Amino acid sequence: MDEGGMICARILPVRLAATMAVALTLGACDESPEEAAEDVVGDRGFFTVNPETRETMSAIPLDGQPDTVMVSGGELAGPLPLGFTMPEGARVLDSTFVSRGEKRSALVIFEIAATPEELAAFYRKQAASAGIETDVTLDGEAGRLVAGRQGTSRFSLNAAREGDVTAAQLMISDGLD
């Protein structure tokens, strides 16, 4: 399998999971997709789709806990958890942010001119600043995976070169499992 196929194989499960979550949310609301595209609001939370941008937002209330809120779309919905940032020149293709109270998680899929090695160095430095030791590094023909955790904080970067662009997937969690 070529590198492009490897990237698609890694990104596909993430998109599939997001699509399933949306489908389950819609199914739980007993609404048609047309009705749900505007807003689904009720005791079980809400789901909304911006018809122009196709960005989605949903919230699920949990007894005795803060609501779980998920925002997905082609732009960053807010700052990354734990002080992480996007590198200069990154073009965000898709992002999903989840929060529950003070706990946060983000998944960002992006492209950049930097090499996988440069991205790995960039995020190792940010992880160290957040108190996370990088304890996993996997190098292969298709790309590079770097990951680490400290307590309930986690991060992972999966990056592969496709021609003169690096396709990357960044996941950061600040206590949200």
N, C-alpha and C. Protein backbone atom coordinates (compact mmCIF):
# COMPACT_ATOMS: atom_id res chain seq x y z
N MET A 1 0.85 -1.18 0.00
CA MET A 1 0.00 0.00 0.00
C MET A 1 0.89 1.23 0.00
N ASP A 2 0.58 2.25 -0.83
CA ASP A 2 1.39 3.47 -0.87
C ASP A 2 1.11 4.35 0.34
N GLU A 3 1.93 5.41 0.51
CA GLU A 3 1.79 6.27 1.68
C GLU A 3 0.43 6.93 1.73
N GLY A 4 -0.10 7.38 0.59
CA GLY A 4 -1.42 8.01 0.56
C GLY A 4 -2.49 7.05 1.05
N GLY A 5 -2.36 5.79 0.63
CA GLY A 5 -3.32 4.79 1.09
C GLY A 5 -3.21 4.55 2.59
N MET A 6 -1.97 4.62 3.11
CA MET A 6 -1.77 4.44 4.55
C MET A 6 -2.43 5.57 5.33
N ILE A 7 -2.29 6.80 4.84
CA ILE A 7 -2.91 7.94 5.51
C ILE A 7 -4.41 7.78 5.50
N CYS A 8 -4.98 7.45 4.33
CA CYS A 8 -6.42 7.25 4.24
C CYS A 8 -6.87 6.14 5.17
N ALA A 9 -6.08 5.08 5.26
CA ALA A 9 -6.43 3.96 6.14
C ALA A 9 -6.43 4.39 7.60
N ARG A 10 -5.57 5.34 7.96
CA ARG A 10 -5.53 5.81 9.35
C ARG A 10 -6.61 6.83 9.64
N ILE A 11 -6.95 7.67 8.67
CA ILE A 11 -7.95 8.72 8.88
C ILE A 11 -9.36 8.17 8.78
N LEU A 12 -9.58 7.17 7.93
CA LEU A 12 -10.90 6.61 7.73
C LEU A 12 -11.58 6.17 9.02
N PRO A 13 -10.90 5.44 9.95
CA PRO A 13 -11.59 5.05 11.18
C PRO A 13 -12.05 6.25 12.00
N VAL A 14 -11.30 7.34 11.99
CA VAL A 14 -11.69 8.54 12.74
C VAL A 14 -12.95 9.14 12.14
N ARG A 15 -12.96 9.28 10.81
CA ARG A 15 -14.14 9.83 10.15
C ARG A 15 -15.34 8.90 10.33
N LEU A 16 -15.11 7.60 10.24
CA LEU A 16 -16.18 6.63 10.43
C LEU A 16 -16.76 6.75 11.84
N ALA A 17 -15.91 6.86 12.85
CA ALA A 17 -16.38 7.01 14.23
C ALA A 17 -17.19 8.29 14.39
N ALA A 18 -16.72 9.37 13.80
CA ALA A 18 -17.45 10.65 13.90
C ALA A 18 -18.81 10.53 13.20
N THR A 19 -18.84 9.89 12.03
CA THR A 19 -20.09 9.71 11.30
C THR A 19 -21.05 8.85 12.10
N MET A 20 -20.53 7.78 12.73
CA MET A 20 -21.38 6.92 13.54
C MET A 20 -21.94 7.68 14.73
N ALA A 21 -21.12 8.52 15.36
CA ALA A 21 -21.59 9.30 16.50
C ALA A 21 -22.72 10.23 16.08
N VAL A 22 -22.56 10.86 14.92
CA VAL A 22 -23.60 11.74 14.41
C VAL A 22 -24.86 10.95 14.11
N ALA A 23 -24.70 9.80 13.45
CA ALA A 23 -25.86 8.97 13.11
C ALA A 23 -26.59 8.50 14.37
N LEU A 24 -25.83 8.08 15.38
CA LEU A 24 -26.44 7.65 16.63
C LEU A 24 -27.16 8.80 17.32
N THR A 25 -26.56 9.97 17.29
CA THR A 25 -27.20 11.14 17.88
C THR A 25 -28.50 11.45 17.16
N LEU A 26 -28.45 11.43 15.82
CA LEU A 26 -29.66 11.69 15.05
C LEU A 26 -30.71 10.62 15.30
N GLY A 27 -30.28 9.36 15.31
CA GLY A 27 -31.21 8.26 15.53
C GLY A 27 -31.87 8.33 16.89
N ALA A 28 -31.13 8.74 17.89
CA ALA A 28 -31.66 8.83 19.24
C ALA A 28 -32.69 9.94 19.36
N CYS A 29 -32.68 10.89 18.45
CA CYS A 29 -33.57 12.04 18.54
C CYS A 29 -34.88 11.82 17.79
N ASP A 30 -35.05 10.71 17.10
CA ASP A 30 -36.27 10.41 16.37
C ASP A 30 -36.67 11.53 15.41
N GLU A 31 -35.71 12.11 14.73
CA GLU A 31 -35.96 13.18 13.79
C GLU A 31 -35.44 12.76 12.42
N SER A 32 -36.04 13.30 11.38
CA SER A 32 -35.49 13.07 10.05
C SER A 32 -34.23 13.89 9.90
N PRO A 33 -33.32 13.51 9.01
CA PRO A 33 -32.09 14.30 8.82
C PRO A 33 -32.38 15.75 8.45
N GLU A 34 -33.48 16.00 7.68
CA GLU A 34 -33.80 17.37 7.30
C GLU A 34 -34.16 18.20 8.53
N GLU A 35 -34.96 17.63 9.45
CA GLU A 35 -35.32 18.34 10.67
C GLU A 35 -34.10 18.51 11.56
N ALA A 36 -33.27 17.48 11.63
CA ALA A 36 -32.10 17.53 12.50
C ALA A 36 -31.06 18.50 12.00
N ALA A 37 -31.04 18.77 10.69
CA ALA A 37 -30.05 19.68 10.15
C ALA A 37 -30.22 21.08 10.72
N GLU A 38 -31.44 21.42 11.13
CA GLU A 38 -31.65 22.73 11.72
C GLU A 38 -31.26 22.68 13.19
N ASP A 39 -31.96 21.96 13.98
CA ASP A 39 -31.67 21.80 15.41
C ASP A 39 -32.48 20.65 15.97
N VAL A 40 -31.87 19.87 16.83
CA VAL A 40 -32.59 18.88 17.60
C VAL A 40 -32.33 19.25 19.05
N VAL A 41 -33.37 19.61 19.75
CA VAL A 41 -33.22 20.02 21.13
C VAL A 41 -34.20 19.22 21.96
N GLY A 42 -33.77 18.78 23.11
CA GLY A 42 -34.65 18.03 23.97
C GLY A 42 -33.96 17.64 25.25
N ASP A 43 -34.63 16.79 26.01
CA ASP A 43 -34.08 16.34 27.29
C ASP A 43 -32.80 15.55 27.10
N ARG A 44 -32.63 14.97 25.92
CA ARG A 44 -31.43 14.16 25.66
C ARG A 44 -30.30 14.97 25.04
N GLY A 45 -30.43 16.28 24.98
CA GLY A 45 -29.37 17.11 24.43
C GLY A 45 -29.78 17.74 23.12
N PHE A 46 -28.78 18.14 22.33
CA PHE A 46 -29.08 18.74 21.05
C PHE A 46 -28.01 18.39 20.03
N PHE A 47 -28.39 18.55 18.77
CA PHE A 47 -27.49 18.35 17.65
C PHE A 47 -27.86 19.40 16.62
N THR A 48 -26.87 20.11 16.11
CA THR A 48 -27.15 21.14 15.11
C THR A 48 -26.08 21.10 14.03
N VAL A 49 -26.49 21.40 12.81
CA VAL A 49 -25.58 21.46 11.67
C VAL A 49 -25.73 22.83 11.03
N ASN A 50 -24.61 23.52 10.82
CA ASN A 50 -24.64 24.77 10.10
C ASN A 50 -24.79 24.42 8.62
N PRO A 51 -25.91 24.79 7.97
CA PRO A 51 -26.15 24.37 6.59
C PRO A 51 -25.14 24.95 5.60
N GLU A 52 -24.50 26.07 5.94
CA GLU A 52 -23.53 26.67 5.03
C GLU A 52 -22.15 26.04 5.15
N THR A 53 -21.70 25.82 6.39
CA THR A 53 -20.34 25.30 6.59
C THR A 53 -20.30 23.80 6.84
N ARG A 54 -21.44 23.19 7.16
CA ARG A 54 -21.57 21.77 7.52
C ARG A 54 -20.90 21.45 8.85
N GLU A 55 -20.53 22.47 9.62
CA GLU A 55 -19.98 22.24 10.95
C GLU A 55 -21.10 21.75 11.85
N THR A 56 -20.74 20.87 12.78
CA THR A 56 -21.75 20.31 13.68
C THR A 56 -21.43 20.64 15.13
N MET A 57 -22.48 20.66 15.94
CA MET A 57 -22.32 20.83 17.38
C MET A 57 -23.38 19.98 18.05
N SER A 58 -22.98 19.27 19.09
CA SER A 58 -23.94 18.47 19.83
C SER A 58 -23.60 18.53 21.31
N ALA A 59 -24.60 18.29 22.12
CA ALA A 59 -24.40 18.23 23.57
C ALA A 59 -25.24 17.10 24.12
N ILE A 60 -24.64 16.36 25.04
CA ILE A 60 -25.32 15.24 25.67
C ILE A 60 -25.28 15.45 27.18
N PRO A 61 -26.44 15.61 27.81
CA PRO A 61 -26.44 15.79 29.27
C PRO A 61 -26.21 14.46 29.97
N LEU A 62 -25.48 14.50 31.06
CA LEU A 62 -25.23 13.32 31.89
C LEU A 62 -25.68 13.64 33.30
N ASP A 63 -26.45 12.76 33.90
CA ASP A 63 -26.94 12.99 35.25
C ASP A 63 -25.79 13.29 36.21
N GLY A 64 -25.87 14.43 36.87
CA GLY A 64 -24.90 14.76 37.90
C GLY A 64 -23.54 15.19 37.38
N GLN A 65 -23.37 15.30 36.07
CA GLN A 65 -22.10 15.70 35.48
C GLN A 65 -22.35 16.82 34.48
N PRO A 66 -21.31 17.57 34.15
CA PRO A 66 -21.48 18.58 33.10
C PRO A 66 -21.81 17.91 31.77
N ASP A 67 -22.51 18.64 30.90
CA ASP A 67 -22.82 18.13 29.58
C ASP A 67 -21.53 17.81 28.81
N THR A 68 -21.59 16.79 27.98
CA THR A 68 -20.51 16.52 27.04
C THR A 68 -20.87 17.26 25.76
N VAL A 69 -19.96 18.13 25.30
CA VAL A 69 -20.21 18.95 24.12
C VAL A 69 -19.18 18.57 23.05
N MET A 70 -19.65 18.39 21.81
CA MET A 70 -18.76 18.06 20.70
C MET A 70 -18.99 19.05 19.57
N VAL A 71 -17.90 19.62 19.06
CA VAL A 71 -17.95 20.55 17.93
C VAL A 71 -17.01 20.00 16.86
N SER A 72 -17.51 19.86 15.63
CA SER A 72 -16.70 19.34 14.53
C SER A 72 -16.83 20.25 13.32
N GLY A 73 -15.73 20.36 12.58
CA GLY A 73 -15.76 21.15 11.36
C GLY A 73 -14.39 21.31 10.76
N GLY A 74 -14.33 22.09 9.72
CA GLY A 74 -13.09 22.27 8.97
C GLY A 74 -12.15 23.30 9.55
N GLU A 75 -12.56 24.01 10.59
CA GLU A 75 -11.68 24.98 11.24
C GLU A 75 -11.55 24.62 12.71
N LEU A 76 -10.53 25.16 13.35
CA LEU A 76 -10.37 24.92 14.78
C LEU A 76 -11.49 25.63 15.53
N ALA A 77 -12.13 24.93 16.43
CA ALA A 77 -13.24 25.50 17.19
C ALA A 77 -12.76 26.26 18.43
N GLY A 78 -11.50 26.22 18.72
CA GLY A 78 -10.98 26.91 19.90
C GLY A 78 -9.54 26.51 20.12
N PRO A 79 -8.98 26.95 21.24
CA PRO A 79 -7.59 26.60 21.53
C PRO A 79 -7.44 25.11 21.83
N LEU A 80 -6.28 24.57 21.47
CA LEU A 80 -6.01 23.17 21.75
C LEU A 80 -5.78 22.98 23.25
N PRO A 81 -6.10 21.80 23.77
CA PRO A 81 -5.87 21.53 25.20
C PRO A 81 -4.39 21.59 25.57
N LEU A 82 -4.11 21.80 26.83
CA LEU A 82 -2.78 21.71 27.44
C LEU A 82 -1.78 22.71 26.86
N GLY A 83 -2.25 23.76 26.20
CA GLY A 83 -1.34 24.76 25.65
C GLY A 83 -0.71 24.38 24.33
N PHE A 84 -1.10 23.26 23.74
CA PHE A 84 -0.59 22.87 22.43
C PHE A 84 -1.07 23.90 21.40
N THR A 85 -0.32 24.06 20.32
CA THR A 85 -0.68 24.96 19.24
C THR A 85 -0.47 24.26 17.90
N MET A 86 -1.02 24.86 16.87
CA MET A 86 -0.79 24.36 15.52
C MET A 86 0.47 25.02 14.99
N PRO A 87 1.28 24.29 14.21
CA PRO A 87 2.49 24.89 13.65
C PRO A 87 2.14 25.90 12.56
N GLU A 88 3.03 26.85 12.39
CA GLU A 88 2.88 27.87 11.35
C GLU A 88 2.74 27.18 9.99
N GLY A 89 1.76 27.61 9.21
CA GLY A 89 1.57 27.07 7.86
C GLY A 89 0.67 25.85 7.79
N ALA A 90 0.14 25.39 8.92
CA ALA A 90 -0.75 24.22 8.89
C ALA A 90 -2.09 24.60 8.28
N ARG A 91 -2.63 23.71 7.47
CA ARG A 91 -3.96 23.90 6.89
C ARG A 91 -4.87 22.83 7.47
N VAL A 92 -5.80 23.25 8.33
CA VAL A 92 -6.71 22.31 9.00
C VAL A 92 -7.73 21.80 7.99
N LEU A 93 -7.85 20.48 7.92
CA LEU A 93 -8.81 19.84 7.03
C LEU A 93 -10.08 19.47 7.78
N ASP A 94 -9.92 19.07 9.03
CA ASP A 94 -11.05 18.64 9.85
C ASP A 94 -10.63 18.71 11.31
N SER A 95 -11.58 18.97 12.18
CA SER A 95 -11.27 18.98 13.61
C SER A 95 -12.51 18.61 14.40
N THR A 96 -12.27 17.99 15.55
CA THR A 96 -13.34 17.67 16.48
C THR A 96 -12.85 18.01 17.87
N PHE A 97 -13.62 18.80 18.59
CA PHE A 97 -13.33 19.18 19.97
C PHE A 97 -14.43 18.62 20.85
N VAL A 98 -14.04 18.00 21.96
CA VAL A 98 -15.00 17.46 22.92
C VAL A 98 -14.64 18.03 24.27
N SER A 99 -15.67 18.43 25.03
CA SER A 99 -15.43 18.92 26.38
C SER A 99 -16.50 18.41 27.33
N ARG A 100 -16.09 18.24 28.57
CA ARG A 100 -17.02 17.89 29.66
C ARG A 100 -16.48 18.61 30.89
N GLY A 101 -17.11 19.72 31.24
CA GLY A 101 -16.60 20.52 32.35
C GLY A 101 -15.24 21.08 31.98
N GLU A 102 -14.25 20.85 32.85
CA GLU A 102 -12.88 21.33 32.61
C GLU A 102 -12.06 20.38 31.73
N LYS A 103 -12.58 19.20 31.46
CA LYS A 103 -11.86 18.22 30.65
C LYS A 103 -12.05 18.51 29.17
N ARG A 104 -10.97 18.39 28.40
CA ARG A 104 -11.00 18.72 26.98
C ARG A 104 -10.25 17.68 26.15
N SER A 105 -10.70 17.54 24.91
CA SER A 105 -10.04 16.65 23.97
C SER A 105 -10.17 17.27 22.59
N ALA A 106 -9.14 17.09 21.76
CA ALA A 106 -9.19 17.62 20.39
C ALA A 106 -8.55 16.62 19.44
N LEU A 107 -9.13 16.50 18.28
CA LEU A 107 -8.59 15.71 17.19
C LEU A 107 -8.54 16.64 15.98
N VAL A 108 -7.34 16.84 15.43
CA VAL A 108 -7.18 17.75 14.30
C VAL A 108 -6.47 17.01 13.17
N ILE A 109 -7.04 17.08 11.99
CA ILE A 109 -6.44 16.51 10.79
C ILE A 109 -6.00 17.69 9.94
N PHE A 110 -4.71 17.70 9.57
CA PHE A 110 -4.19 18.85 8.85
C PHE A 110 -3.10 18.46 7.87
N GLU A 111 -2.74 19.41 7.00
CA GLU A 111 -1.64 19.27 6.06
C GLU A 111 -0.66 20.41 6.31
N ILE A 112 0.61 20.14 5.99
CA ILE A 112 1.64 21.15 6.20
C ILE A 112 2.85 20.81 5.33
N ALA A 113 3.64 21.82 5.01
CA ALA A 113 4.85 21.60 4.22
C ALA A 113 5.97 20.96 5.04
N ALA A 114 5.95 21.13 6.35
CA ALA A 114 6.99 20.55 7.22
C ALA A 114 7.03 19.03 7.08
N THR A 115 8.20 18.46 7.33
CA THR A 115 8.35 17.00 7.25
C THR A 115 7.79 16.34 8.52
N PRO A 116 7.51 15.04 8.47
CA PRO A 116 7.08 14.35 9.68
C PRO A 116 8.09 14.51 10.83
N GLU A 117 9.39 14.50 10.51
CA GLU A 117 10.42 14.65 11.54
C GLU A 117 10.33 16.02 12.19
N GLU A 118 10.12 17.06 11.38
CA GLU A 118 9.98 18.43 11.92
C GLU A 118 8.74 18.54 12.79
N LEU A 119 7.63 17.94 12.35
CA LEU A 119 6.41 17.96 13.17
C LEU A 119 6.61 17.22 14.48
N ALA A 120 7.28 16.06 14.42
CA ALA A 120 7.53 15.28 15.64
C ALA A 120 8.35 16.11 16.64
N ALA A 121 9.37 16.82 16.17
CA ALA A 121 10.19 17.66 17.05
C ALA A 121 9.35 18.79 17.63
N PHE A 122 8.51 19.42 16.80
CA PHE A 122 7.64 20.51 17.24
C PHE A 122 6.72 20.04 18.38
N TYR A 123 6.08 18.87 18.20
CA TYR A 123 5.12 18.39 19.20
C TYR A 123 5.80 17.74 20.40
N ARG A 124 6.98 17.19 20.25
CA ARG A 124 7.73 16.72 21.42
C ARG A 124 8.02 17.88 22.37
N LYS A 125 8.41 19.01 21.79
CA LYS A 125 8.71 20.21 22.59
C LYS A 125 7.44 20.70 23.30
N GLN A 126 6.32 20.73 22.59
CA GLN A 126 5.07 21.17 23.21
C GLN A 126 4.63 20.19 24.29
N ALA A 127 4.80 18.91 24.04
CA ALA A 127 4.44 17.90 25.05
C ALA A 127 5.28 18.10 26.31
N ALA A 128 6.58 18.31 26.14
CA ALA A 128 7.45 18.53 27.29
C ALA A 128 7.00 19.76 28.07
N SER A 129 6.61 20.83 27.39
CA SER A 129 6.11 22.03 28.06
C SER A 129 4.83 21.76 28.83
N ALA A 130 4.04 20.79 28.37
CA ALA A 130 2.79 20.42 29.04
C ALA A 130 3.02 19.36 30.11
N GLY A 131 4.28 18.97 30.33
CA GLY A 131 4.59 17.96 31.33
C GLY A 131 4.36 16.53 30.88
N ILE A 132 4.30 16.32 29.57
CA ILE A 132 4.07 14.98 29.02
C ILE A 132 5.37 14.46 28.42
N GLU A 133 5.78 13.29 28.87
CA GLU A 133 6.96 12.65 28.29
C GLU A 133 6.55 11.86 27.06
N THR A 134 7.28 12.03 25.97
CA THR A 134 7.02 11.26 24.76
C THR A 134 7.59 9.86 24.99
N ASP A 135 6.70 8.88 25.12
CA ASP A 135 7.17 7.54 25.43
C ASP A 135 6.98 6.56 24.28
N VAL A 136 6.42 7.04 23.16
CA VAL A 136 6.26 6.18 21.98
C VAL A 136 6.73 6.95 20.76
N THR A 137 7.61 6.35 19.99
CA THR A 137 8.02 6.88 18.69
C THR A 137 8.15 5.69 17.75
N LEU A 138 7.36 5.73 16.68
CA LEU A 138 7.42 4.67 15.67
C LEU A 138 7.70 5.31 14.33
N ASP A 139 8.75 4.85 13.69
CA ASP A 139 9.11 5.34 12.36
C ASP A 139 8.91 4.22 11.37
N GLY A 140 8.34 4.57 10.23
CA GLY A 140 8.16 3.59 9.17
C GLY A 140 8.24 4.27 7.83
N GLU A 141 8.15 3.47 6.79
CA GLU A 141 8.20 4.03 5.45
C GLU A 141 7.05 4.99 5.20
N ALA A 142 5.92 4.73 5.82
CA ALA A 142 4.74 5.56 5.58
C ALA A 142 4.70 6.82 6.45
N GLY A 143 5.49 6.88 7.50
CA GLY A 143 5.44 8.09 8.33
C GLY A 143 5.96 7.87 9.72
N ARG A 144 5.50 8.71 10.62
CA ARG A 144 6.00 8.73 11.98
C ARG A 144 4.83 8.90 12.95
N LEU A 145 4.89 8.16 14.05
CA LEU A 145 3.93 8.27 15.15
C LEU A 145 4.71 8.64 16.40
N VAL A 146 4.25 9.67 17.11
CA VAL A 146 4.84 10.07 18.38
C VAL A 146 3.68 10.19 19.36
N ALA A 147 3.87 9.69 20.57
CA ALA A 147 2.79 9.75 21.55
C ALA A 147 3.36 9.76 22.95
N GLY A 148 2.55 10.23 23.87
CA GLY A 148 2.96 10.23 25.26
C GLY A 148 1.79 10.52 26.17
N ARG A 149 2.03 10.30 27.47
CA ARG A 149 0.99 10.62 28.45
C ARG A 149 1.61 10.90 29.79
N GLN A 150 0.90 11.66 30.57
CA GLN A 150 1.26 11.95 31.95
C GLN A 150 -0.04 12.04 32.72
N GLY A 151 -0.26 11.11 33.63
CA GLY A 151 -1.54 11.08 34.35
C GLY A 151 -2.68 10.87 33.37
N THR A 152 -3.62 11.82 33.38
CA THR A 152 -4.76 11.72 32.46
C THR A 152 -4.58 12.56 31.21
N SER A 153 -3.42 13.18 31.04
CA SER A 153 -3.13 13.97 29.85
C SER A 153 -2.43 13.10 28.81
N ARG A 154 -2.88 13.23 27.55
CA ARG A 154 -2.32 12.40 26.47
C ARG A 154 -2.18 13.22 25.19
N PHE A 155 -1.25 12.79 24.36
CA PHE A 155 -1.17 13.35 23.01
C PHE A 155 -0.62 12.30 22.07
N SER A 156 -0.97 12.43 20.79
CA SER A 156 -0.37 11.60 19.76
C SER A 156 -0.37 12.38 18.46
N LEU A 157 0.67 12.16 17.69
CA LEU A 157 0.80 12.74 16.36
C LEU A 157 1.12 11.61 15.41
N ASN A 158 0.36 11.53 14.35
CA ASN A 158 0.59 10.56 13.29
C ASN A 158 0.79 11.37 12.01
N ALA A 159 1.97 11.31 11.40
CA ALA A 159 2.28 12.15 10.24
C ALA A 159 2.97 11.34 9.16
N ALA A 160 2.60 11.60 7.91
CA ALA A 160 3.20 10.91 6.77
C ALA A 160 3.34 11.88 5.61
N ARG A 161 4.41 11.73 4.89
CA ARG A 161 4.71 12.58 3.75
C ARG A 161 3.96 12.08 2.53
N GLU A 162 3.31 13.00 1.80
CA GLU A 162 2.62 12.70 0.55
C GLU A 162 3.09 13.72 -0.46
N GLY A 163 4.13 13.40 -1.23
CA GLY A 163 4.71 14.35 -2.18
C GLY A 163 5.45 15.43 -1.42
N ASP A 164 5.03 16.68 -1.62
CA ASP A 164 5.69 17.79 -0.92
C ASP A 164 4.87 18.30 0.27
N VAL A 165 3.89 17.50 0.71
CA VAL A 165 3.02 17.86 1.83
C VAL A 165 3.02 16.73 2.85
N THR A 166 2.94 17.09 4.11
CA THR A 166 2.78 16.10 5.17
C THR A 166 1.33 16.12 5.64
N ALA A 167 0.69 14.96 5.64
CA ALA A 167 -0.66 14.81 6.18
C ALA A 167 -0.50 14.35 7.61
N ALA A 168 -1.23 14.99 8.53
CA ALA A 168 -1.05 14.68 9.95
C ALA A 168 -2.37 14.62 10.68
N GLN A 169 -2.35 13.83 11.75
CA GLN A 169 -3.49 13.69 12.65
C GLN A 169 -2.95 13.90 14.05
N LEU A 170 -3.48 14.89 14.76
CA LEU A 170 -3.05 15.23 16.11
C LEU A 170 -4.20 15.00 17.07
N MET A 171 -3.95 14.28 18.16
CA MET A 171 -4.95 14.06 19.19
C MET A 171 -4.37 14.51 20.52
N ILE A 172 -5.12 15.31 21.26
CA ILE A 172 -4.69 15.80 22.57
C ILE A 172 -5.87 15.65 23.52
N SER A 173 -5.61 15.14 24.71
CA SER A 173 -6.66 15.00 25.71
C SER A 173 -6.15 15.47 27.06
N ASP A 174 -6.95 16.27 27.70
CA ASP A 174 -6.65 16.77 29.03
C ASP A 174 -7.65 16.18 30.01
N GLY A 175 -7.51 14.88 30.28
CA GLY A 175 -8.36 14.23 31.26
C GLY A 175 -9.66 13.67 30.76
N LEU A 176 -9.96 13.80 29.48
CA LEU A 176 -11.20 13.29 28.93
C LEU A 176 -10.94 11.95 28.25
N ASP A 177 -11.44 10.89 28.85
CA ASP A 177 -11.25 9.54 28.27
C ASP A 177 -12.49 9.13 27.50
